Structure formats: C-alpha cells, structure tokens
Protein backbone atom coordinates (compact mmCIF):
# COMPACT_ATOMS: atom_id res chain seq x y z
CA MET A 1 -40.81 8.09 -8.84
CA PHE A 2 -39.47 7.98 -6.29
CA LEU A 3 -38.18 4.07 -6.63
CA GLU A 4 -36.41 5.52 -10.11
CA LYS A 5 -34.46 7.96 -8.97
CA LEU A 6 -33.63 5.60 -6.13
CA LYS A 7 -32.49 2.77 -8.82
CA ASN A 8 -30.71 5.18 -11.09
CA ASP A 9 -28.67 7.01 -8.06
CA LEU A 10 -28.04 3.11 -6.87
CA ASN A 11 -26.43 2.24 -10.19
CA GLN A 12 -24.22 5.19 -10.26
CA ASN A 13 -20.39 4.84 -9.65
CA GLN A 14 -20.49 4.38 -6.16
CA ALA A 15 -17.67 4.65 -3.37
CA LEU A 16 -15.23 1.22 -3.21
CA PHE A 17 -16.64 0.60 0.44
CA ILE A 18 -18.66 3.13 2.86
CA GLY A 19 -16.11 5.53 4.55
CA GLU A 20 -14.03 5.90 1.21
CA GLU A 21 -14.47 9.55 0.58
CA THR A 22 -13.23 10.62 3.97
CA ALA A 23 -10.68 7.61 4.36
CA TYR A 24 -6.88 8.19 3.70
CA ARG A 25 -5.92 7.57 0.67
CA SER A 26 -2.64 6.25 -0.47
CA ALA A 27 -1.35 5.06 -3.60
CA ILE A 28 1.67 3.05 -4.53
CA LEU A 29 3.63 1.94 -7.27
CA ILE A 30 5.27 -2.05 -7.83
CA PRO A 31 8.61 -0.95 -9.80
CA LEU A 32 9.39 -3.78 -12.20
CA VAL A 33 13.13 -2.92 -13.39
CA GLN A 34 16.04 -5.26 -15.35
CA VAL A 35 18.74 -6.22 -13.93
CA ASP A 36 21.22 -8.11 -15.69
CA GLU A 37 17.95 -8.73 -18.18
CA GLU A 38 16.28 -10.49 -15.43
CA TRP A 39 13.09 -8.73 -14.03
CA HIS A 40 13.12 -7.58 -10.36
CA ILE A 41 10.97 -5.61 -8.21
CA LEU A 42 12.28 -2.59 -6.71
CA PHE A 43 11.75 -1.10 -3.10
CA GLU A 44 13.05 1.69 -1.21
CA VAL A 45 14.27 1.96 2.12
CA ARG A 46 12.71 5.06 4.01
CA SER A 47 15.24 7.47 5.00
CA LEU A 48 16.02 7.24 8.39
CA THR A 49 15.05 10.88 8.98
CA MET A 50 11.66 10.54 8.22
CA ARG A 51 8.91 11.20 11.24
CA LYS A 52 7.13 8.12 10.12
CA GLN A 53 8.50 4.31 10.15
CA PRO A 54 11.79 5.59 9.38
CA GLY A 55 13.66 2.84 8.08
CA ASP A 56 10.73 1.11 6.85
CA ILE A 57 11.00 -0.91 3.15
CA SER A 58 8.00 0.12 1.18
CA PHE A 59 7.09 0.53 -2.51
CA PRO A 60 7.12 3.81 -3.98
CA GLY A 61 3.62 5.93 -3.39
CA GLY A 62 2.15 8.20 -0.57
CA ARG A 63 -1.16 10.19 0.01
CA ILE A 64 -3.45 11.20 -2.61
CA ASP A 65 -3.52 15.34 -3.01
CA ALA A 66 -6.88 16.70 -3.81
CA SER A 67 -5.05 18.26 -6.74
CA ASP A 68 -4.26 14.26 -7.71
CA PRO A 69 -6.62 13.41 -10.56
CA SER A 70 -6.52 9.94 -10.04
CA PRO A 71 -5.08 7.55 -7.82
CA LEU A 72 -2.68 6.33 -10.66
CA ALA A 73 -1.22 10.00 -11.01
CA ALA A 74 -0.48 10.29 -7.67
CA ALA A 75 1.12 7.00 -7.74
CA VAL A 76 3.57 8.56 -10.81
CA ARG A 77 3.83 12.02 -9.31
CA GLU A 78 5.08 10.46 -5.52
CA THR A 79 7.47 7.59 -7.54
CA THR A 80 9.11 10.21 -9.54
CA GLU A 81 9.05 12.86 -6.63
CA GLU A 82 11.25 10.03 -4.40
CA LEU A 83 13.08 8.28 -7.03
CA GLY A 84 14.02 11.33 -9.45
CA ILE A 85 12.78 9.86 -12.94
CA ASP A 86 10.65 11.57 -15.53
CA PRO A 87 7.41 10.53 -15.25
CA LYS A 88 7.52 9.36 -19.35
CA THR A 89 9.86 6.90 -18.39
CA ILE A 90 7.23 5.29 -16.32
CA HIS A 91 5.78 2.31 -17.85
CA ILE A 92 1.57 1.47 -16.38
CA VAL A 93 1.24 -2.61 -16.62
CA GLY A 94 -1.97 -2.53 -14.80
CA GLN A 95 -3.54 -2.25 -11.29
CA LEU A 96 -4.20 -4.03 -8.65
CA SER A 97 -7.48 -4.34 -6.19
CA PRO A 98 -7.00 -1.98 -3.60
CA TYR A 99 -5.97 -2.71 -0.10
CA ILE A 100 -8.83 -1.99 2.10
CA ALA A 101 -6.41 -1.99 5.79
CA SER A 102 -9.51 -0.22 7.83
CA SER A 103 -12.51 2.25 7.14
CA SER A 104 -10.35 4.76 7.39
CA PHE A 105 -7.41 3.78 5.11
CA VAL A 106 -7.17 2.61 1.54
CA ILE A 107 -4.50 1.47 -0.79
CA TYR A 108 -4.49 1.72 -4.23
CA PRO A 109 -1.64 -0.14 -6.11
CA PHE A 110 -0.20 -0.17 -9.48
CA VAL A 111 2.23 -2.04 -11.20
CA ALA A 112 4.74 -0.42 -13.85
CA THR A 113 8.50 -0.81 -15.31
CA ILE A 114 10.99 1.83 -15.15
CA ASP A 115 14.59 2.05 -15.81
CA TYR A 116 16.54 0.88 -13.04
CA ASN A 117 19.39 2.76 -14.41
CA GLN A 118 18.10 6.17 -14.07
CA ILE A 119 17.72 5.66 -10.39
CA ARG A 120 20.77 4.41 -8.72
CA HIS A 121 21.39 8.53 -7.74
CA ALA A 122 19.10 10.23 -8.32
CA TYR A 123 16.51 9.24 -5.77
CA ASN A 124 15.61 11.69 -2.94
CA LYS A 125 17.59 11.44 -0.02
CA GLU A 126 15.50 13.24 2.29
CA GLU A 127 13.09 10.62 1.46
CA VAL A 128 14.38 7.51 0.10
CA GLU A 129 17.70 6.24 2.60
CA GLU A 130 18.23 3.36 -0.59
CA VAL A 131 17.31 1.37 -2.64
CA PHE A 132 17.51 -2.19 -3.59
CA THR A 133 15.75 -4.90 -6.19
CA VAL A 134 14.72 -8.35 -5.24
CA PRO A 135 15.27 -10.96 -8.29
CA LEU A 136 11.48 -12.10 -9.21
CA GLN A 137 12.40 -15.59 -9.43
CA TRP A 138 13.89 -15.43 -6.43
CA LEU A 139 10.28 -13.99 -4.98
CA PHE A 140 8.64 -17.27 -7.08
CA ASN A 141 10.37 -19.75 -4.85
CA TYR A 142 10.85 -17.91 -1.68
CA GLU A 143 8.07 -19.31 1.01
CA PRO A 144 7.21 -16.19 3.70
CA TYR A 145 6.28 -16.62 7.09
CA MET A 146 3.48 -15.51 9.17
CA HIS A 147 2.97 -14.29 12.07
CA LEU A 148 -0.46 -12.94 14.27
CA VAL A 149 -0.95 -10.20 15.67
CA SER A 150 -4.37 -9.75 18.32
CA VAL A 151 -6.07 -6.60 17.73
CA GLU A 152 -8.57 -5.34 20.51
CA PRO A 153 -10.99 -2.22 21.09
CA VAL A 154 -10.49 -0.42 23.22
CA PRO A 155 -13.27 2.21 23.97
CA SER A 156 -12.76 6.03 24.39
CA LEU A 157 -12.81 7.13 28.54
CA ASP A 158 -16.45 9.05 26.92
CA PHE A 159 -18.08 5.83 25.15
CA PRO A 160 -21.57 6.09 26.33
CA PHE A 161 -21.78 2.45 27.66
CA ASP A 162 -25.36 3.25 28.75
CA LYS A 163 -26.97 3.45 25.55
CA ILE A 164 -25.67 -0.30 24.79
CA MET A 165 -26.93 -3.66 25.41
CA ASN A 166 -24.78 -4.73 28.47
CA GLY A 167 -23.31 -1.33 28.98
CA SER A 168 -18.87 -1.83 30.38
CA GLN A 169 -19.43 -5.53 30.08
CA TYR A 170 -19.99 -5.33 26.42
CA GLN A 171 -18.07 -8.39 24.85
CA TRP A 172 -16.39 -6.23 21.96
CA ARG A 173 -14.35 -8.86 19.28
CA THR A 174 -11.15 -9.12 18.89
CA ARG A 175 -9.62 -10.10 16.00
CA ALA A 176 -6.02 -11.82 14.92
CA MET A 177 -4.04 -9.74 12.22
CA GLU A 178 -1.89 -11.50 9.54
CA GLU A 179 1.78 -10.22 9.39
CA TRP A 180 3.82 -11.38 6.58
CA PHE A 181 7.99 -11.27 6.27
CA PHE A 182 10.05 -11.81 3.51
CA ASP A 183 13.74 -11.87 4.20
CA PHE A 184 16.44 -11.03 1.66
CA ASP A 185 20.21 -10.54 2.32
CA LYS A 186 20.00 -7.74 5.34
CA TYR A 187 16.55 -7.04 4.62
CA THR A 188 13.07 -7.79 5.89
CA ILE A 189 10.23 -6.67 3.69
CA TRP A 190 6.84 -6.95 6.33
CA GLY A 191 3.72 -4.58 7.12
CA LEU A 192 1.48 -3.62 4.42
CA THR A 193 4.38 -3.58 1.75
CA ALA A 194 4.58 -7.22 2.73
CA ARG A 195 0.94 -8.10 2.39
CA ILE A 196 0.72 -6.39 -1.25
CA LEU A 197 3.66 -8.14 -2.47
CA LYS A 198 2.22 -11.13 -1.33
CA HIS A 199 -1.14 -10.69 -3.14
CA PHE A 200 1.27 -9.65 -6.45
CA LEU A 201 3.24 -13.00 -6.15
CA GLU A 202 -0.38 -15.10 -6.02
CA ILE A 203 -1.30 -13.65 -8.83
CA ILE A 204 1.18 -13.86 -11.62
CA LYS A 205 2.59 -17.20 -10.08
C-alpha cells in the first residue's frame, strides 16, 4: 500500500527542480516584430530611475504574482504593462526551457509576435527608458563574446563550522560563471538577457 501511494505521488506533476515553489519566479517575453518587412527582436532599456538594474537592457517581463494563473499569463501581463499594448495583439509562438539562474531564481521565457507600431510611443516611461530592435539576420551573423566571472561561496558569520568535516578549513568550491555580450550600435546586451537570447538563437538557427 505504501509503495503504491509513493509511486503515485512520484508520478504526479512535480516541481521543475527542488526549491521551485519558494524560488523567485519571473516570466519574460521575447518579442518578435516586423520592421520594414524584416523580423527583429525588440528589447527594452530599463528606466534610469528604476531601483534595480537601471539602464540595463532586458526583455519585457517580471515577477510572477500569486494572482497570475501561469508563467505565460505573467509574461503577457508584464509585457502589456511595460509596452502599453493590448494583450490581444500578443500572439504566442512558443516557449523556451526555463532558465534556472540559481536554486532561488528561475525565469520562464516565451516567444511571441507583437505589433511594433503600437509600441513606439505607448510604452510605460516609468519602467522603460526606450525600446529598440535588432534584426534577426544580424543576430544570426553576429558572434557574441564571453567573459568569465568567478563566484566564490562566503559563509555567514554564524555558519556552524563545528558541524562539518574540516570545519573552517573546509574547501568550498568556486565556480566560473559565463557572461555573454552582444554589441549592437550603442547598446550592449549582456547578463541573463544575453544568455536567454543566445539560447533562443541556437534553437532557431
């Protein structure tokens, strides 16, 4: 009886990874727009007055609220709020694999087409400094470059070293984090946006 129940429980829809339920969950949209009959990707420059990451380049999106029925609904809601467009004009093309930045942060990316003509003067100036587009063909031909960032664990002052082997001499593992960069005109796309963009381009190439 126990094993049957256990088997049933394990076969139910489970979290994507251990900790997903308590992680900071965000959803973003990769917007495809047509400019002069050519497909482009639209990017936002975050408002310079934003508390977090002012001036950074990003895709539309943000935190998944408890009231959002799904990550997709959150991505659409955030996109309409930031770009000032009618949600009915957002046409979902597909979904990418979630990006697990850490055990406490996950991003759910979606791909959609939107009407660029709607956006030019409608975007939310409190959140978005400006928008710009990059031709897909240019991105296909561009080779992004990469730099490594060393990430080293730093235990808290009250860490219980007496509970672990070798105590304060424990050899923590450092890791190298890849940071990718795309330079287009006066803009530099990097960070999580560049990582998701790179993955998307690898899929559709």
